[in-house]
Protein backbone atom coordinates (compact mmCIF):
# COMPACT_ATOMS: atom_id res chain seq x y z
CA MET A 1 93.58 106.17 70.11
CA ASN A 2 94.72 107.29 73.56
CA ILE A 3 96.69 105.07 75.91
CA ILE A 4 93.69 104.29 78.15
CA LYS A 5 91.60 103.10 75.19
CA LEU A 6 94.51 100.98 74.01
CA TYR A 7 94.96 99.42 77.46
CA GLN A 8 91.26 98.59 77.67
CA ARG A 9 91.47 96.53 74.47
CA LEU A 10 94.44 94.43 75.55
CA PRO A 11 94.02 90.75 76.48
CA PHE A 12 93.74 90.04 80.20
CA PRO A 13 97.26 88.51 80.59
CA VAL A 14 98.82 91.51 78.86
CA LYS A 15 96.85 93.88 81.10
CA ASN A 16 98.24 92.09 84.16
CA PHE A 17 101.78 92.26 82.81
CA ILE A 18 101.53 96.02 82.22
CA ALA A 19 99.92 96.51 85.65
CA GLY A 20 102.90 94.70 87.14
CA ILE A 21 105.38 96.89 85.26
CA ASN A 22 103.54 99.94 86.57
CA GLY A 23 103.68 98.45 90.07
CA LEU A 24 107.47 98.16 89.81
CA LYS A 25 107.63 101.79 88.67
CA LEU A 26 105.50 102.93 91.61
CA ASN A 27 107.63 100.94 94.05
CA TYR A 28 110.73 102.65 92.66
CA TRP A 29 109.25 106.10 93.28
CA ARG A 30 107.68 105.29 96.64
CA LYS A 31 110.10 103.06 98.54
CA LYS A 32 113.40 104.93 98.70
CA ASN A 33 114.81 104.49 102.25
CA ARG A 34 111.49 102.97 103.39
CA ASP A 35 112.86 101.16 106.47
CA LYS A 36 114.83 104.20 107.62
CA ILE A 37 111.87 106.56 107.28
CA VAL A 38 109.48 104.18 109.06
CA ALA A 39 111.98 103.81 111.91
CA GLU A 40 112.06 107.61 112.27
CA LEU A 41 108.27 107.77 112.29
CA ILE A 42 108.08 105.12 115.01
CA LYS A 43 110.66 106.96 117.11
CA ARG A 44 108.66 110.19 116.91
CA GLU A 45 105.49 108.44 118.04
CA SER A 46 106.89 108.43 121.60
CA TRP A 47 107.19 112.22 121.58
CA THR A 48 105.00 114.56 123.58
CA PRO A 49 102.71 117.03 121.77
CA ASP A 50 105.20 119.81 122.58
CA GLN A 51 108.06 117.85 121.03
CA TYR A 52 106.00 117.35 117.89
CA LYS A 53 105.17 121.07 117.72
CA ASN A 54 108.82 122.07 118.19
CA TRP A 55 109.87 119.68 115.43
CA GLN A 56 107.11 120.94 113.14
CA ASN A 57 108.15 124.56 113.72
CA LYS A 58 111.74 123.73 112.71
CA GLU A 59 110.56 121.96 109.55
CA LEU A 60 108.19 124.85 108.83
CA ARG A 61 110.97 127.45 109.02
CA GLU A 62 113.06 125.42 106.59
CA MET A 63 110.15 125.07 104.17
CA LEU A 64 109.23 128.78 104.35
CA THR A 65 112.84 129.75 103.71
CA HIS A 66 113.04 127.38 100.75
CA ALA A 67 109.74 128.64 99.32
CA ARG A 68 110.66 132.30 99.73
CA ASN A 69 114.08 131.90 98.07
CA ASN A 70 113.50 129.24 95.40
CA VAL A 71 109.87 129.30 94.29
CA PRO A 72 109.16 132.05 91.69
CA TYR A 73 105.64 132.86 92.90
CA TYR A 74 106.65 133.32 96.51
CA ARG A 75 109.94 135.03 95.69
CA GLN A 76 108.12 137.68 93.68
CA TYR A 77 105.62 138.20 96.48
CA TRP A 78 108.24 138.65 99.22
CA ASP A 79 110.50 140.84 97.08
CA ASN A 80 107.59 143.30 97.17
CA MET A 81 107.20 143.00 100.96
CA PRO A 82 110.44 144.41 102.40
CA GLY A 83 110.73 144.34 106.16
CA VAL A 84 107.97 141.75 106.70
CA ASP A 85 109.04 138.58 108.52
CA PHE A 86 108.48 135.68 106.11
CA LEU A 87 109.32 133.16 108.85
CA ASN A 88 106.05 134.08 110.56
CA LEU A 89 103.41 131.88 108.92
CA GLY A 90 100.72 134.40 109.86
CA ASN A 91 102.30 136.92 107.46
CA TRP A 92 101.76 134.70 104.44
CA PRO A 93 98.65 135.27 102.27
CA ILE A 94 95.99 132.62 101.69
CA LEU A 95 96.75 130.64 98.53
CA GLU A 96 93.73 129.76 96.39
CA LYS A 97 93.50 126.69 94.16
CA GLN A 98 92.72 128.85 91.15
CA THR A 99 96.09 130.59 91.53
CA VAL A 100 97.97 127.30 91.46
CA ARG A 101 95.83 126.01 88.60
CA ASN A 102 96.43 129.09 86.48
CA ASN A 103 100.18 129.34 87.16
CA PRO A 104 101.54 125.86 88.03
CA GLN A 105 105.00 126.59 86.62
CA LEU A 106 105.43 129.48 89.09
CA PHE A 107 105.17 127.03 92.01
CA VAL A 108 107.94 124.68 90.86
CA ALA A 109 111.12 125.37 92.82
CA ASP A 110 114.18 126.42 90.81
CA THR A 111 116.13 123.71 92.65
CA HIS A 112 114.01 120.98 91.04
CA LYS A 113 113.14 122.22 87.54
CA ASP A 114 115.77 120.09 85.80
CA LYS A 115 115.20 116.94 87.86
CA LYS A 116 113.16 113.88 86.99
CA LEU A 117 109.78 114.35 88.66
CA PHE A 118 106.59 112.36 89.19
CA LYS A 119 103.35 113.97 87.99
CA ILE A 120 99.93 113.58 89.63
CA ASN A 121 96.83 115.11 88.03
CA THR A 122 93.72 115.95 90.00
CA SER A 123 90.55 117.87 89.26
CA GLY A 124 89.84 118.94 92.82
CA THR A 125 86.35 119.09 94.33
CA THR A 126 85.15 121.81 91.95
CA GLY A 127 86.21 120.13 88.72
CA LYS A 128 89.27 122.32 88.19
CA PRO A 129 92.13 120.36 86.62
CA MET A 130 95.41 120.67 88.53
CA THR A 131 98.86 119.11 88.28
CA PHE A 132 101.32 118.48 91.11
CA LEU A 133 104.95 117.38 90.81
CA PHE A 134 107.02 115.38 93.31
CA ASP A 135 110.49 113.92 93.63
CA ARG A 136 111.36 110.49 95.07
CA ASP A 137 112.13 111.90 98.52
CA ALA A 138 108.64 113.39 98.86
CA LEU A 139 106.85 110.31 97.55
CA SER A 140 108.93 107.99 99.72
CA LEU A 141 108.15 109.98 102.87
CA TRP A 142 104.45 110.13 101.97
CA TYR A 143 104.05 106.41 101.39
CA ALA A 144 106.15 105.54 104.42
CA MET A 145 103.59 107.51 106.45
CA TYR A 146 100.86 105.61 104.65
CA GLN A 147 102.50 102.33 105.55
CA ARG A 148 103.20 103.14 109.19
CA ARG A 149 100.22 105.26 110.17
CA LEU A 150 97.41 103.83 108.07
CA ARG A 151 98.40 100.18 107.71
CA GLU A 152 100.58 99.25 110.67
CA TRP A 153 98.54 101.23 113.19
CA ASN A 154 95.61 99.06 112.11
CA GLY A 155 97.36 95.69 111.94
CA ILE A 156 98.26 95.52 108.24
CA ASN A 157 101.69 94.41 106.99
CA GLU A 158 103.36 95.57 103.80
CA SER A 159 103.21 92.04 102.38
CA ASP A 160 99.45 91.69 102.98
CA ARG A 161 97.31 91.34 99.89
CA CYS A 162 95.11 94.30 98.99
CA ALA A 163 91.92 94.63 96.95
CA THR A 164 91.74 98.19 95.63
CA ILE A 165 88.57 99.72 94.17
CA ALA A 166 89.13 103.07 92.49
CA GLY A 167 88.53 105.06 89.34
CA GLN A 168 91.05 103.85 86.75
CA LEU A 169 89.36 102.81 83.50
CA ILE A 170 90.84 99.33 83.25
CA TRP A 171 87.95 97.89 81.19
CA PRO A 172 85.48 99.47 78.73
CA ILE A 173 82.28 100.56 80.44
CA GLU A 174 80.27 98.33 78.07
CA ARG A 175 81.94 95.15 79.31
CA ASN A 176 79.33 92.70 80.61
CA LYS A 177 81.35 89.70 81.73
CA PRO A 178 84.22 89.17 84.17
CA PRO A 179 86.98 89.85 84.81
CA TYR A 180 86.36 93.43 85.91
CA TRP A 181 89.80 93.64 87.52
CA VAL A 182 93.55 93.32 86.92
CA TYR A 183 96.39 91.97 89.05
CA ASN A 184 99.39 94.01 90.16
CA LYS A 185 101.75 91.33 91.48
CA PRO A 186 104.65 93.55 92.67
CA MET A 187 102.29 95.47 94.94
CA HIS A 188 100.29 92.41 96.12
CA GLN A 189 97.18 94.00 94.65
CA ILE A 190 94.02 93.15 92.77
CA TYR A 191 92.65 96.35 91.24
CA LEU A 192 88.88 96.26 90.73
CA SER A 193 86.91 98.55 88.47
CA SER A 194 84.46 100.81 90.27
CA TYR A 195 82.37 101.20 87.10
CA HIS A 196 80.96 97.68 86.72
CA ILE A 197 79.37 97.01 90.11
CA THR A 198 75.72 96.02 89.75
CA GLU A 199 73.33 93.59 91.44
CA SER A 200 74.26 90.96 88.86
CA THR A 201 78.06 91.42 89.08
CA VAL A 202 78.52 91.66 92.85
CA LYS A 203 78.84 87.89 93.25
CA GLN A 204 81.68 87.89 90.74
CA TYR A 205 83.42 90.75 92.56
CA VAL A 206 83.13 88.91 95.88
CA LYS A 207 84.53 85.72 94.34
CA ALA A 208 87.50 87.62 92.88
CA ILE A 209 88.24 89.19 96.28
CA ALA A 210 88.04 85.80 97.97
CA ASP A 211 90.06 83.93 95.33
CA PHE A 212 92.85 86.50 95.66
CA ASN A 213 93.12 85.63 99.37
CA THR A 214 92.65 89.32 100.11
CA ASP A 215 93.84 90.52 103.51
CA TYR A 216 92.43 94.04 103.36
CA MET A 217 90.47 96.30 101.03
CA MET A 218 91.03 99.93 100.14
CA GLY A 219 89.02 102.27 97.96
CA TYR A 220 86.00 104.45 97.30
CA VAL A 221 83.34 104.39 100.00
CA SER A 222 80.45 104.13 97.54
CA SER A 223 81.96 101.19 95.65
CA ILE A 224 82.88 99.16 98.72
CA TYR A 225 79.50 99.90 100.29
CA ASN A 226 77.65 98.76 97.16
CA ILE A 227 79.48 95.42 97.20
CA ALA A 228 78.90 94.98 100.94
CA HIS A 229 75.23 95.96 100.78
CA GLU A 230 74.41 93.77 97.80
CA GLY A 231 76.48 90.91 99.18
CA LEU A 232 74.46 90.89 102.39
CA LYS A 233 71.19 91.40 100.53
CA GLN A 234 71.86 88.42 98.27
CA ASN A 235 73.19 86.24 101.11
CA ILE A 236 76.51 85.83 99.35
CA LYS A 237 79.26 84.28 101.47
CA MET A 238 81.61 87.20 102.08
CA PRO A 239 85.35 86.80 102.75
CA ARG A 240 86.59 87.75 106.21
CA LEU A 241 89.15 90.55 105.96
CA LYS A 242 91.57 92.12 108.43
CA LEU A 243 90.56 95.69 107.58
CA VAL A 244 88.73 97.94 105.14
CA VAL A 245 90.20 101.39 104.43
CA THR A 246 88.00 103.96 102.70
CA ASN A 247 89.10 107.08 100.85
CA ALA A 248 87.98 109.79 98.44
CA GLU A 249 84.48 110.13 99.93
CA PRO A 250 83.19 110.69 103.48
CA LEU A 251 82.38 107.47 105.34
CA LEU A 252 78.88 107.64 106.81
CA ASP A 253 77.90 105.69 109.90
CA HIS A 254 75.44 103.39 108.15
CA GLN A 255 78.01 102.63 105.43
CA LYS A 256 80.63 101.78 108.03
CA GLU A 257 78.22 99.45 109.81
CA VAL A 258 77.24 97.59 106.63
CA ILE A 259 80.83 97.25 105.37
CA SER A 260 82.04 96.01 108.74
CA LYS A 261 79.24 93.46 108.94
CA ALA A 262 79.82 92.21 105.40
CA PHE A 263 83.58 91.68 105.72
CA SER A 264 83.67 90.89 109.46
CA CYS A 265 86.38 93.46 110.16
CA PRO A 266 87.00 97.04 111.31
CA VAL A 267 86.52 99.91 108.85
CA VAL A 268 88.67 103.05 108.96
CA GLN A 269 88.91 106.08 106.72
CA SER A 270 91.91 107.96 105.41
CA TYR A 271 92.04 111.70 104.77
CA SER A 272 94.48 113.29 102.36
CA GLY A 273 94.77 115.01 99.01
CA CYS A 274 96.83 114.68 95.85
CA GLU A 275 98.77 117.77 96.93
CA PHE A 276 100.50 115.61 99.60
CA ALA A 277 100.41 118.65 101.87
CA PHE A 278 98.06 117.24 104.50
CA GLY A 279 97.27 113.74 105.59
CA GLY A 280 95.61 111.78 108.31
CA CYS A 281 93.89 108.52 109.03
CA GLU A 282 91.53 106.90 111.43
CA ASP A 283 92.79 104.23 113.79
CA LEU A 284 90.72 101.61 115.57
CA SER A 285 89.77 104.14 118.25
CA GLY A 286 87.73 106.06 115.67
CA ARG A 287 89.76 109.29 115.62
CA ILE A 288 91.25 110.71 112.42
CA TYR A 289 94.78 111.64 113.47
CA LEU A 290 96.71 114.20 111.43
CA TRP A 291 100.22 113.24 110.32
CA PRO A 292 102.58 115.91 111.72
CA GLU A 293 105.15 115.22 109.01
CA ALA A 294 102.61 115.97 106.26
CA GLY A 295 101.99 119.61 107.09
CA ILE A 296 100.55 122.32 109.29
CA MET A 297 96.77 122.61 109.36
CA GLU A 298 94.99 125.85 110.31
CA VAL A 299 91.28 126.62 110.46
CA GLN A 300 89.56 129.72 109.06
CA ASN A 301 86.24 130.33 110.78
CA ALA A 302 83.10 131.96 109.38
CA GLU A 303 84.31 135.40 110.45
CA GLY A 304 87.58 134.98 108.54
CA ALA A 305 89.83 134.54 111.58
CA ILE A 306 92.52 131.86 111.23
CA THR A 307 93.30 129.75 114.28
CA GLN A 308 95.13 126.53 115.08
CA TYR A 309 92.03 124.68 116.29
CA GLY A 310 88.28 124.88 115.98
CA LYS A 311 85.64 124.66 113.24
CA GLY A 312 85.97 126.16 109.80
CA GLU A 313 87.71 125.81 106.46
CA PHE A 314 91.04 124.00 106.38
CA ILE A 315 94.15 125.99 105.44
CA ILE A 316 97.23 123.83 105.00
CA THR A 317 100.99 124.32 104.65
CA GLY A 318 102.84 121.29 103.33
CA LEU A 319 106.05 119.94 104.82
CA VAL A 320 106.61 116.97 102.48
CA SER A 321 107.36 118.34 99.01
CA LYS A 322 110.03 120.91 98.19
CA VAL A 323 109.22 120.61 94.49
CA MET A 324 105.92 122.54 94.71
CA PRO A 325 105.61 123.97 98.24
CA LEU A 326 102.08 125.02 99.17
CA VAL A 327 101.89 127.64 101.91
CA ARG A 328 98.56 128.50 103.52
CA TYR A 329 96.71 126.70 100.76
CA ARG A 330 92.90 126.62 100.91
CA VAL A 331 92.25 122.94 100.38
CA GLY A 332 88.47 123.26 100.03
CA ASP A 333 87.35 121.11 102.97
CA THR A 334 85.70 122.20 106.17
CA GLY A 335 85.58 120.52 109.54
CA GLU A 336 86.91 120.69 113.08
CA VAL A 337 90.50 120.26 114.30
CA LYS A 338 91.23 119.42 117.93
CA PRO A 339 94.51 119.34 119.87
CA ALA A 340 96.22 116.20 121.10
CA ASP A 341 95.02 114.99 124.49
CA SER A 342 95.72 112.23 126.97
CA ASN A 343 93.00 109.99 125.51
CA GLY A 344 94.82 109.18 122.30
CA ARG A 345 98.01 109.53 120.30
CA ASN A 346 100.12 112.62 120.87
CA VAL A 347 99.09 114.40 117.66
CA ASP A 348 96.22 116.67 116.65
CA TYR A 349 93.12 115.09 115.18
CA VAL A 350 90.12 115.92 113.03
CA SER A 351 86.81 115.28 114.78
CA GLU A 352 84.66 116.18 111.77
CA ILE A 353 85.14 116.52 108.01
CA THR A 354 82.50 118.12 105.82
CA GLY A 355 82.37 119.52 102.30
CA ARG A 356 83.55 116.47 100.35
CA THR A 357 80.26 114.72 99.72
CA ASP A 358 79.49 114.17 96.04
CA ASP A 359 76.17 112.76 94.93
CA LEU A 360 76.15 109.47 93.08
CA ILE A 361 74.99 109.06 89.49
CA VAL A 362 72.51 106.21 88.96
CA THR A 363 72.48 104.73 85.45
CA PRO A 364 69.39 103.25 83.73
CA ASP A 365 70.73 99.71 84.31
CA GLY A 366 71.10 100.31 88.04
CA LYS A 367 74.80 101.12 88.43
CA LEU A 368 75.75 103.68 91.06
CA VAL A 369 78.71 105.72 89.85
CA GLY A 370 80.61 107.96 92.28
CA ARG A 371 83.74 110.08 92.21
CA LEU A 372 83.31 111.40 88.68
CA ASP A 373 85.78 114.27 89.06
CA PRO A 374 88.41 112.34 86.97
CA VAL A 375 86.32 113.43 83.98
CA PHE A 376 87.99 116.83 84.33
CA LYS A 377 91.56 115.71 84.92
CA GLY A 378 93.98 117.28 82.49
CA ASP A 379 94.76 120.75 81.19
CA PHE A 380 91.26 121.70 80.05
CA LYS A 381 90.50 125.36 79.36
CA ILE A 382 87.76 125.54 81.98
CA LYS A 383 87.44 127.56 85.15
CA GLU A 384 85.11 125.13 86.89
CA ALA A 385 82.53 122.48 86.09
CA GLN A 386 79.70 120.52 87.64
CA ILE A 387 77.94 117.31 86.61
CA VAL A 388 74.16 117.37 87.14
CA GLN A 389 71.97 114.29 86.68
CA GLU A 390 68.57 115.65 85.69
CA ASP A 391 66.72 112.32 85.43
CA ILE A 392 67.47 108.63 85.15
CA SER A 393 68.66 108.92 81.55
CA SER A 394 70.14 112.40 81.15
CA ILE A 395 73.10 114.35 82.48
CA LYS A 396 74.18 117.88 81.83
CA VAL A 397 77.64 119.25 82.49
CA LEU A 398 77.77 122.88 83.54
CA VAL A 399 81.03 124.42 82.35
CA VAL A 400 82.44 127.86 83.03
CA PRO A 401 84.82 128.23 80.06
CA ASP A 402 88.25 129.75 80.34
CA GLU A 403 90.13 131.60 77.61
CA GLY A 404 90.89 129.18 74.78
CA TYR A 405 87.97 126.85 75.46
CA SER A 406 87.05 124.96 72.30
CA GLU A 407 85.07 122.04 70.93
CA TYR A 408 87.99 119.81 71.93
CA GLU A 409 87.27 120.29 75.64
CA GLU A 410 83.55 119.66 75.13
CA SER A 411 84.19 116.49 73.15
CA GLU A 412 86.72 115.15 75.68
CA ILE A 413 84.46 115.87 78.65
CA LEU A 414 81.52 114.08 77.06
CA GLN A 415 83.64 111.11 76.01
CA ARG A 416 85.21 110.70 79.46
CA LEU A 417 81.80 110.93 81.08
CA ARG A 418 80.36 108.39 78.63
CA ASP A 419 83.26 106.04 79.44
CA ARG A 420 82.03 106.03 83.03
CA VAL A 421 78.23 106.06 82.76
CA GLY A 422 77.74 104.11 79.54
CA SER A 423 76.29 104.78 76.12
CA THR A 424 72.58 104.77 77.02
CA MET A 425 72.51 108.12 78.83
CA GLN A 426 71.89 111.45 77.12
CA LEU A 427 74.79 113.82 77.80
CA ARG A 428 75.22 117.49 77.04
CA VAL A 429 77.48 120.38 77.96
CA GLU A 430 75.93 123.68 78.97
CA LEU A 431 78.17 126.75 79.13
CA THR A 432 77.49 129.23 81.90
CA ASN A 433 79.08 132.28 83.49
CA ASN A 434 78.91 130.84 86.99
CA ILE A 435 77.80 127.79 88.91
CA PRO A 436 75.42 128.28 91.85
CA ARG A 437 76.98 127.76 95.27
CA GLY A 438 75.45 126.20 98.33
CA ALA A 439 74.94 127.87 101.68
CA ASN A 440 78.63 127.27 102.56
CA GLY A 441 79.84 129.12 99.47
CA LYS A 442 80.92 125.97 97.63
CA PHE A 443 79.32 123.61 95.15
CA LYS A 444 79.47 119.87 94.62
CA ALA A 445 81.32 118.42 91.67
CA VAL A 446 78.39 116.05 91.13
CA VAL A 447 74.71 116.71 91.87
CA SER A 448 71.92 114.20 91.32
CA LEU A 449 68.31 115.30 91.06
CA VAL A 450 67.17 111.69 90.84
CA LYS A 451 65.45 110.37 93.96
CA LYS A 452 67.19 107.12 94.85
CA ASN A 453 67.44 104.79 97.81
């Protein structure tokens, strides 16, 4: 029995105790020098755009030097490029996700290989499992930015109570009675399952959020929207919150309107990835501002030219983590980047984000399940994968196998998917040599062929 299955079977008080222990662990990794870092962030917010750019360029040179000298992949590349200026970002090649996925150990800096590191697994938007490593300095800087830029910019204090809705499997999918949540006391958090939201359970979710005296909510767009929509539809008395923060999925205008109406508060979206190499968030003005400390963002247009601003595919160079530096990394999103102007904060902003929309799976009992890419988290021997809902009761998983693919991967994929959509759906894996792309050259991790409202 794996650790997730074991946790699911534990009594509710024991679950809460373990969630609290995990909260203490996360605080240890995330809060080193928190006050000092936040003070530095606040000081920089008075800078002009030119001051920010000059500071970024200094940090960039330090990161490029570190990557060239201490990261095996980059060191090998530059040893074969004598006479080329590695301090010029334009001289660095584009880094593809597949390269990092296939050779993660080559991206770990020699200076950090023997240190205690924090691991984050992610599948990415194409279902490719990836692993990223961080030290306490990187995590502390990242979550200090989260605190200052995302929360404090929008009126949230660190002590405020948060309702989080995300993809951890805290209860078995078959569970049909509350609670559908656990409490993480050290982080002032109630963590709600995103897999048990239905017309019949929404009232219980709303009550749990209200009883917790929640100040703000954070989580998947689809899950929060489902609660808000059903709450309004059923005339349930909804708690008034300070703020709702969405992540993981694009926030559409109609979703924002419904969520704001339901919880009587502003709704903003965050934008970042598990690589911790780019980050940004929306403030109450409606702009998604990029965090200069997170990294350098470039844009590659349809003709292949790479520029600082404009529309195209995002290319990022991280400034946070020296454990696994990512230089000119193709993150997989497209959109438009605009320069700082006199109408807002003195940092660049993203006016449009596209390419992250996954379809939702609808189960026979009416659940809407989004963000299914965790099915592929881990070191599976697959090149890429896609979940396709063919009808209301059947799903196929297209898998492009990698060398070493076996029945183990197939069994694990099906079990993880069943954990999220329930036991009533017919599931199968279909091996293929390639997965069809859309007009933009990419494909969705999840596609539904079921017509739904």
